[in-house]
Amino acid sequence: MAAAEIIGTAIGVMLLIIIAYILTGSTLISAETVANAQKDLTLLNEARLRTSISLSKSDIIYPVVPQDLYFNVTNNGNEVISDFVHIDIYTYNSTTSGFQYYSYDKYDLGNTGNWSIILFYNDFIHPNQLDPGEKMRVRVKFPGITPLGVQVVTNNGVYASVIV
């Protein structure tokens, strides 16, 4: 009987060690996950603070081609803008239902409801990215009536708008 008590005690101590190891490990993993999430959030907020874009009323051009709208977007911040897929462009027309959303067309197919990059001005440092101080020419293929305003929203929520 004495051997059974010793074996039972040993098994109990082993189970306590295993449970303590699991609890300690899960606590450390949770703390690491929270620390990484806070670090990522801080990096995103810093990128948002360094991002600034502008549109100018004088940069908006309505060419001879109907339903085309051209304008320049200037990077006034210190952050390189390269995630064009997640940049949203909206136009405003007061006679219709308000804002019209346009999605990015990487290959410039010219489909209505899309926007595309026509060219980058003085694009020497990072080709096909909007570096600080650079401009890019954008074409929007709008449906219907000519828009009265344009708004560009970057992937981190910074926006610029202009009324035509």
C-alpha atoms as a PDB file:
ATOM      1  CA  MET A   1       0.000   0.000   0.000  1.00  0.00           C
ATOM      2  CA  ALA A   2       2.845   2.374   0.700  1.00  0.00           C
ATOM      3  CA  ALA A   3       4.065   1.989  -2.874  1.00  0.00           C
ATOM      4  CA  ALA A   4       0.624   2.947  -4.216  1.00  0.00           C
ATOM      5  CA  GLU A   5       0.634   6.162  -2.189  1.00  0.00           C
ATOM      6  CA  ILE A   6       4.095   7.077  -3.468  1.00  0.00           C
ATOM      7  CA  ILE A   7       3.062   6.385  -7.068  1.00  0.00           C
ATOM      8  CA  GLY A   8      -0.161   8.389  -6.623  1.00  0.00           C
ATOM      9  CA  THR A   9       1.761  11.294  -5.105  1.00  0.00           C
ATOM     10  CA  ALA A  10       4.297  11.217  -7.961  1.00  0.00           C
ATOM     11  CA  ILE A  11       1.520  11.232 -10.560  1.00  0.00           C
ATOM     12  CA  GLY A  12      -0.190  14.142  -8.749  1.00  0.00           C
ATOM     13  CA  VAL A  13       3.022  16.153  -8.633  1.00  0.00           C
ATOM     14  CA  MET A  14       3.633  15.465 -12.358  1.00  0.00           C
ATOM     15  CA  LEU A  15       0.099  16.600 -13.200  1.00  0.00           C
ATOM     16  CA  LEU A  16       0.606  19.813 -11.184  1.00  0.00           C
ATOM     17  CA  ILE A  17       3.886  20.488 -13.016  1.00  0.00           C
ATOM     18  CA  ILE A  18       2.229  19.872 -16.418  1.00  0.00           C
ATOM     19  CA  ILE A  19      -0.717  22.152 -15.569  1.00  0.00           C
ATOM     20  CA  ALA A  20       1.626  24.877 -14.300  1.00  0.00           C
ATOM     21  CA  TYR A  21       3.703  24.583 -17.486  1.00  0.00           C
ATOM     22  CA  ILE A  22       0.598  24.873 -19.677  1.00  0.00           C
ATOM     23  CA  LEU A  23      -0.749  27.879 -17.738  1.00  0.00           C
ATOM     24  CA  THR A  24       2.619  29.638 -17.750  1.00  0.00           C
ATOM     25  CA  GLY A  25       3.109  28.955 -21.467  1.00  0.00           C
ATOM     26  CA  SER A  26      -0.344  30.190 -22.422  1.00  0.00           C
ATOM     27  CA  THR A  27       0.138  33.329 -20.308  1.00  0.00           C
ATOM     28  CA  LEU A  28       3.450  34.071 -22.008  1.00  0.00           C
ATOM     29  CA  ILE A  29       1.970  33.472 -25.480  1.00  0.00           C
ATOM     30  CA  SER A  30      -0.984  35.774 -24.680  1.00  0.00           C
ATOM     31  CA  ALA A  31       1.338  38.504 -23.419  1.00  0.00           C
ATOM     32  CA  GLU A  32       3.500  38.219 -26.554  1.00  0.00           C
ATOM     33  CA  THR A  33       0.432  38.396 -28.807  1.00  0.00           C
ATOM     34  CA  VAL A  34      -0.838  41.530 -27.048  1.00  0.00           C
ATOM     35  CA  ALA A  35       2.605  43.170 -27.235  1.00  0.00           C
ATOM     36  CA  ASN A  36       2.890  42.420 -30.973  1.00  0.00           C
ATOM     37  CA  ALA A  37      -0.615  43.760 -31.621  1.00  0.00           C
ATOM     38  CA  GLN A  38       0.205  46.988 -29.778  1.00  0.00           C
ATOM     39  CA  LYS A  39       3.447  47.334 -31.745  1.00  0.00           C
ATOM     40  CA  ASP A  40       1.640  46.829 -35.062  1.00  0.00           C
ATOM     41  CA  LEU A  41      -1.031  49.370 -34.103  1.00  0.00           C
ATOM     42  CA  THR A  42       1.651  51.901 -33.165  1.00  0.00           C
ATOM     43  CA  LEU A  43       3.398  51.382 -36.519  1.00  0.00           C
ATOM     44  CA  LEU A  44       0.106  51.869 -38.393  1.00  0.00           C
ATOM     45  CA  ASN A  45      -0.646  55.061 -36.462  1.00  0.00           C
ATOM     46  CA  GLU A  46       2.832  56.410 -37.159  1.00  0.00           C
ATOM     47  CA  ALA A  47       2.420  55.664 -40.878  1.00  0.00           C
ATOM     48  CA  ARG A  48      -0.927  57.487 -40.852  1.00  0.00           C
ATOM     49  CA  LEU A  49       0.653  60.513 -39.189  1.00  0.00           C
ATOM     50  CA  ARG A  50       3.409  60.609 -41.828  1.00  0.00           C
ATOM     51  CA  THR A  51       0.940  60.282 -44.739  1.00  0.00           C
ATOM     52  CA  SER A  52      -0.462  63.378 -46.412  1.00  0.00           C
ATOM     53  CA  ILE A  53      -1.923  63.827 -49.902  1.00  0.00           C
ATOM     54  CA  SER A  54      -3.432  66.785 -51.691  1.00  0.00           C
ATOM     55  CA  LEU A  55      -5.599  67.560 -54.682  1.00  0.00           C
ATOM     56  CA  SER A  56      -5.769  70.917 -56.395  1.00  0.00           C
ATOM     57  CA  LYS A  57      -8.737  72.394 -58.205  1.00  0.00           C
ATOM     58  CA  SER A  58      -6.365  73.568 -60.940  1.00  0.00           C
ATOM     59  CA  ASP A  59      -5.172  69.980 -61.498  1.00  0.00           C
ATOM     60  CA  ILE A  60      -8.615  68.674 -62.497  1.00  0.00           C
ATOM     61  CA  ILE A  61      -9.014  68.265 -66.253  1.00  0.00           C
ATOM     62  CA  TYR A  62     -12.070  67.234 -68.243  1.00  0.00           C
ATOM     63  CA  PRO A  63     -10.701  66.160 -71.621  1.00  0.00           C
ATOM     64  CA  VAL A  64     -12.494  65.933 -74.922  1.00  0.00           C
ATOM     65  CA  VAL A  65     -13.213  62.233 -74.280  1.00  0.00           C
ATOM     66  CA  PRO A  66     -16.577  62.114 -72.530  1.00  0.00           C
ATOM     67  CA  GLN A  67     -16.782  60.498 -69.097  1.00  0.00           C
ATOM     68  CA  ASP A  68     -13.055  60.859 -68.391  1.00  0.00           C
ATOM     69  CA  LEU A  69     -11.778  62.884 -65.474  1.00  0.00           C
ATOM     70  CA  TYR A  70      -8.051  63.513 -64.989  1.00  0.00           C
ATOM     71  CA  PHE A  71      -6.431  64.954 -61.872  1.00  0.00           C
ATOM     72  CA  ASN A  72      -3.124  64.924 -60.003  1.00  0.00           C
ATOM     73  CA  VAL A  73      -2.554  63.497 -56.532  1.00  0.00           C
ATOM     74  CA  THR A  74       0.453  64.935 -54.684  1.00  0.00           C
ATOM     75  CA  ASN A  75       2.191  63.143 -51.834  1.00  0.00           C
ATOM     76  CA  ASN A  76       2.855  65.890 -49.253  1.00  0.00           C
ATOM     77  CA  GLY A  77       3.808  63.532 -46.439  1.00  0.00           C
ATOM     78  CA  ASN A  78       6.891  61.527 -45.563  1.00  0.00           C
ATOM     79  CA  GLU A  79       5.462  58.069 -46.290  1.00  0.00           C
ATOM     80  CA  VAL A  80       5.791  56.239 -49.622  1.00  0.00           C
ATOM     81  CA  ILE A  81       2.363  55.373 -51.027  1.00  0.00           C
ATOM     82  CA  SER A  82       2.405  52.121 -52.988  1.00  0.00           C
ATOM     83  CA  ASP A  83      -0.731  50.155 -52.042  1.00  0.00           C
ATOM     84  CA  PHE A  84      -2.899  51.479 -54.863  1.00  0.00           C
ATOM     85  CA  VAL A  85      -5.323  48.534 -54.747  1.00  0.00           C
ATOM     86  CA  HIS A  86      -6.561  49.780 -51.376  1.00  0.00           C
ATOM     87  CA  ILE A  87      -6.829  53.439 -52.349  1.00  0.00           C
ATOM     88  CA  ASP A  88     -10.456  54.490 -52.781  1.00  0.00           C
ATOM     89  CA  ILE A  89     -11.623  57.274 -55.050  1.00  0.00           C
ATOM     90  CA  TYR A  90     -15.071  58.825 -54.810  1.00  0.00           C
ATOM     91  CA  THR A  91     -16.773  61.436 -56.935  1.00  0.00           C
ATOM     92  CA  TYR A  92     -19.700  63.538 -55.867  1.00  0.00           C
ATOM     93  CA  ASN A  93     -22.652  64.631 -57.962  1.00  0.00           C
ATOM     94  CA  SER A  94     -25.481  66.438 -56.197  1.00  0.00           C
ATOM     95  CA  THR A  95     -28.073  65.588 -58.861  1.00  0.00           C
ATOM     96  CA  THR A  96     -27.684  61.822 -58.358  1.00  0.00           C
ATOM     97  CA  SER A  97     -27.502  59.725 -55.222  1.00  0.00           C
ATOM     98  CA  GLY A  98     -24.371  61.379 -53.853  1.00  0.00           C
ATOM     99  CA  PHE A  99     -21.001  59.649 -53.869  1.00  0.00           C
ATOM    100  CA  GLN A 100     -19.819  57.201 -56.548  1.00  0.00           C
ATOM    101  CA  TYR A 101     -17.081  54.693 -55.612  1.00  0.00           C
ATOM    102  CA  TYR A 102     -14.319  53.755 -58.074  1.00  0.00           C
ATOM    103  CA  SER A 103     -12.041  50.727 -57.811  1.00  0.00           C
ATOM    104  CA  TYR A 104      -8.422  50.543 -58.957  1.00  0.00           C
ATOM    105  CA  ASP A 105      -7.722  49.279 -62.487  1.00  0.00           C
ATOM    106  CA  LYS A 106      -4.050  48.279 -62.549  1.00  0.00           C
ATOM    107  CA  TYR A 107      -3.985  47.587 -66.283  1.00  0.00           C
ATOM    108  CA  ASP A 108      -5.827  50.772 -67.330  1.00  0.00           C
ATOM    109  CA  LEU A 109      -8.527  48.952 -69.290  1.00  0.00           C
ATOM    110  CA  GLY A 110     -10.706  52.071 -69.312  1.00  0.00           C
ATOM    111  CA  ASN A 111     -13.830  50.465 -67.842  1.00  0.00           C
ATOM    112  CA  THR A 112     -16.499  52.750 -66.403  1.00  0.00           C
ATOM    113  CA  GLY A 113     -16.448  52.841 -62.609  1.00  0.00           C
ATOM    114  CA  ASN A 114     -12.675  52.336 -62.375  1.00  0.00           C
ATOM    115  CA  TRP A 115      -9.670  54.555 -61.836  1.00  0.00           C
ATOM    116  CA  SER A 116      -6.132  54.077 -63.058  1.00  0.00           C
ATOM    117  CA  ILE A 117      -2.744  55.729 -62.859  1.00  0.00           C
ATOM    118  CA  ILE A 118      -1.719  57.370 -66.114  1.00  0.00           C
ATOM    119  CA  LEU A 119       1.785  58.506 -65.140  1.00  0.00           C
ATOM    120  CA  PHE A 120       4.091  59.491 -62.308  1.00  0.00           C
ATOM    121  CA  TYR A 121       5.884  62.830 -62.484  1.00  0.00           C
ATOM    122  CA  ASN A 122       9.648  62.757 -61.746  1.00  0.00           C
ATOM    123  CA  ASP A 123       9.498  59.123 -60.640  1.00  0.00           C
ATOM    124  CA  PHE A 124      13.190  58.400 -60.042  1.00  0.00           C
ATOM    125  CA  ILE A 125      13.599  56.928 -56.549  1.00  0.00           C
ATOM    126  CA  HIS A 126      10.966  54.165 -56.314  1.00  0.00           C
ATOM    127  CA  PRO A 127       9.485  53.498 -59.766  1.00  0.00           C
ATOM    128  CA  ASN A 128       5.679  53.165 -59.843  1.00  0.00           C
ATOM    129  CA  GLN A 129       5.311  54.319 -56.243  1.00  0.00           C
ATOM    130  CA  LEU A 130       4.210  57.724 -55.012  1.00  0.00           C
ATOM    131  CA  ASP A 131       7.220  59.010 -53.088  1.00  0.00           C
ATOM    132  CA  PRO A 132       7.143  62.130 -50.892  1.00  0.00           C
ATOM    133  CA  GLY A 133       6.974  65.225 -53.076  1.00  0.00           C
ATOM    134  CA  GLU A 134       5.893  63.343 -56.211  1.00  0.00           C
ATOM    135  CA  LYS A 135       2.679  63.642 -58.210  1.00  0.00           C
ATOM    136  CA  MET A 136       0.721  61.049 -60.107  1.00  0.00           C
ATOM    137  CA  ARG A 137      -1.864  61.624 -62.822  1.00  0.00           C
ATOM    138  CA  VAL A 138      -5.092  59.670 -62.288  1.00  0.00           C
ATOM    139  CA  ARG A 139      -7.898  58.946 -64.725  1.00  0.00           C
ATOM    140  CA  VAL A 140     -11.416  58.203 -63.530  1.00  0.00           C
ATOM    141  CA  LYS A 141     -14.016  56.761 -65.925  1.00  0.00           C
ATOM    142  CA  PHE A 142     -17.255  58.112 -64.499  1.00  0.00           C
ATOM    143  CA  PRO A 143     -20.736  56.990 -65.513  1.00  0.00           C
ATOM    144  CA  GLY A 144     -23.361  59.555 -66.381  1.00  0.00           C
ATOM    145  CA  ILE A 145     -23.221  63.169 -65.260  1.00  0.00           C
ATOM    146  CA  THR A 146     -19.951  65.062 -64.755  1.00  0.00           C
ATOM    147  CA  PRO A 147     -18.863  64.945 -61.079  1.00  0.00           C
ATOM    148  CA  LEU A 148     -18.806  68.072 -58.947  1.00  0.00           C
ATOM    149  CA  GLY A 149     -16.149  66.857 -56.504  1.00  0.00           C
ATOM    150  CA  VAL A 150     -13.432  64.247 -56.030  1.00  0.00           C
ATOM    151  CA  GLN A 151     -12.155  62.538 -52.883  1.00  0.00           C
ATOM    152  CA  VAL A 152      -9.110  60.237 -52.632  1.00  0.00           C
ATOM    153  CA  VAL A 153      -8.702  58.008 -49.550  1.00  0.00           C
ATOM    154  CA  THR A 154      -5.433  56.137 -48.896  1.00  0.00           C
ATOM    155  CA  ASN A 155      -5.225  52.659 -47.425  1.00  0.00           C
ATOM    156  CA  ASN A 156      -4.577  54.054 -43.945  1.00  0.00           C
ATOM    157  CA  GLY A 157      -7.517  56.471 -43.932  1.00  0.00           C
ATOM    158  CA  VAL A 158      -5.831  59.732 -44.928  1.00  0.00           C
ATOM    159  CA  TYR A 159      -7.925  61.602 -47.482  1.00  0.00           C
ATOM    160  CA  ALA A 160      -7.972  64.686 -49.647  1.00  0.00           C
ATOM    161  CA  SER A 161     -10.914  66.171 -51.516  1.00  0.00           C
ATOM    162  CA  VAL A 162     -11.632  69.002 -53.872  1.00  0.00           C
ATOM    163  CA  ILE A 163     -14.805  70.577 -55.255  1.00  0.00           C
ATOM    164  CA  VAL A 164     -14.590  71.305 -58.953  1.00  0.00           C
END
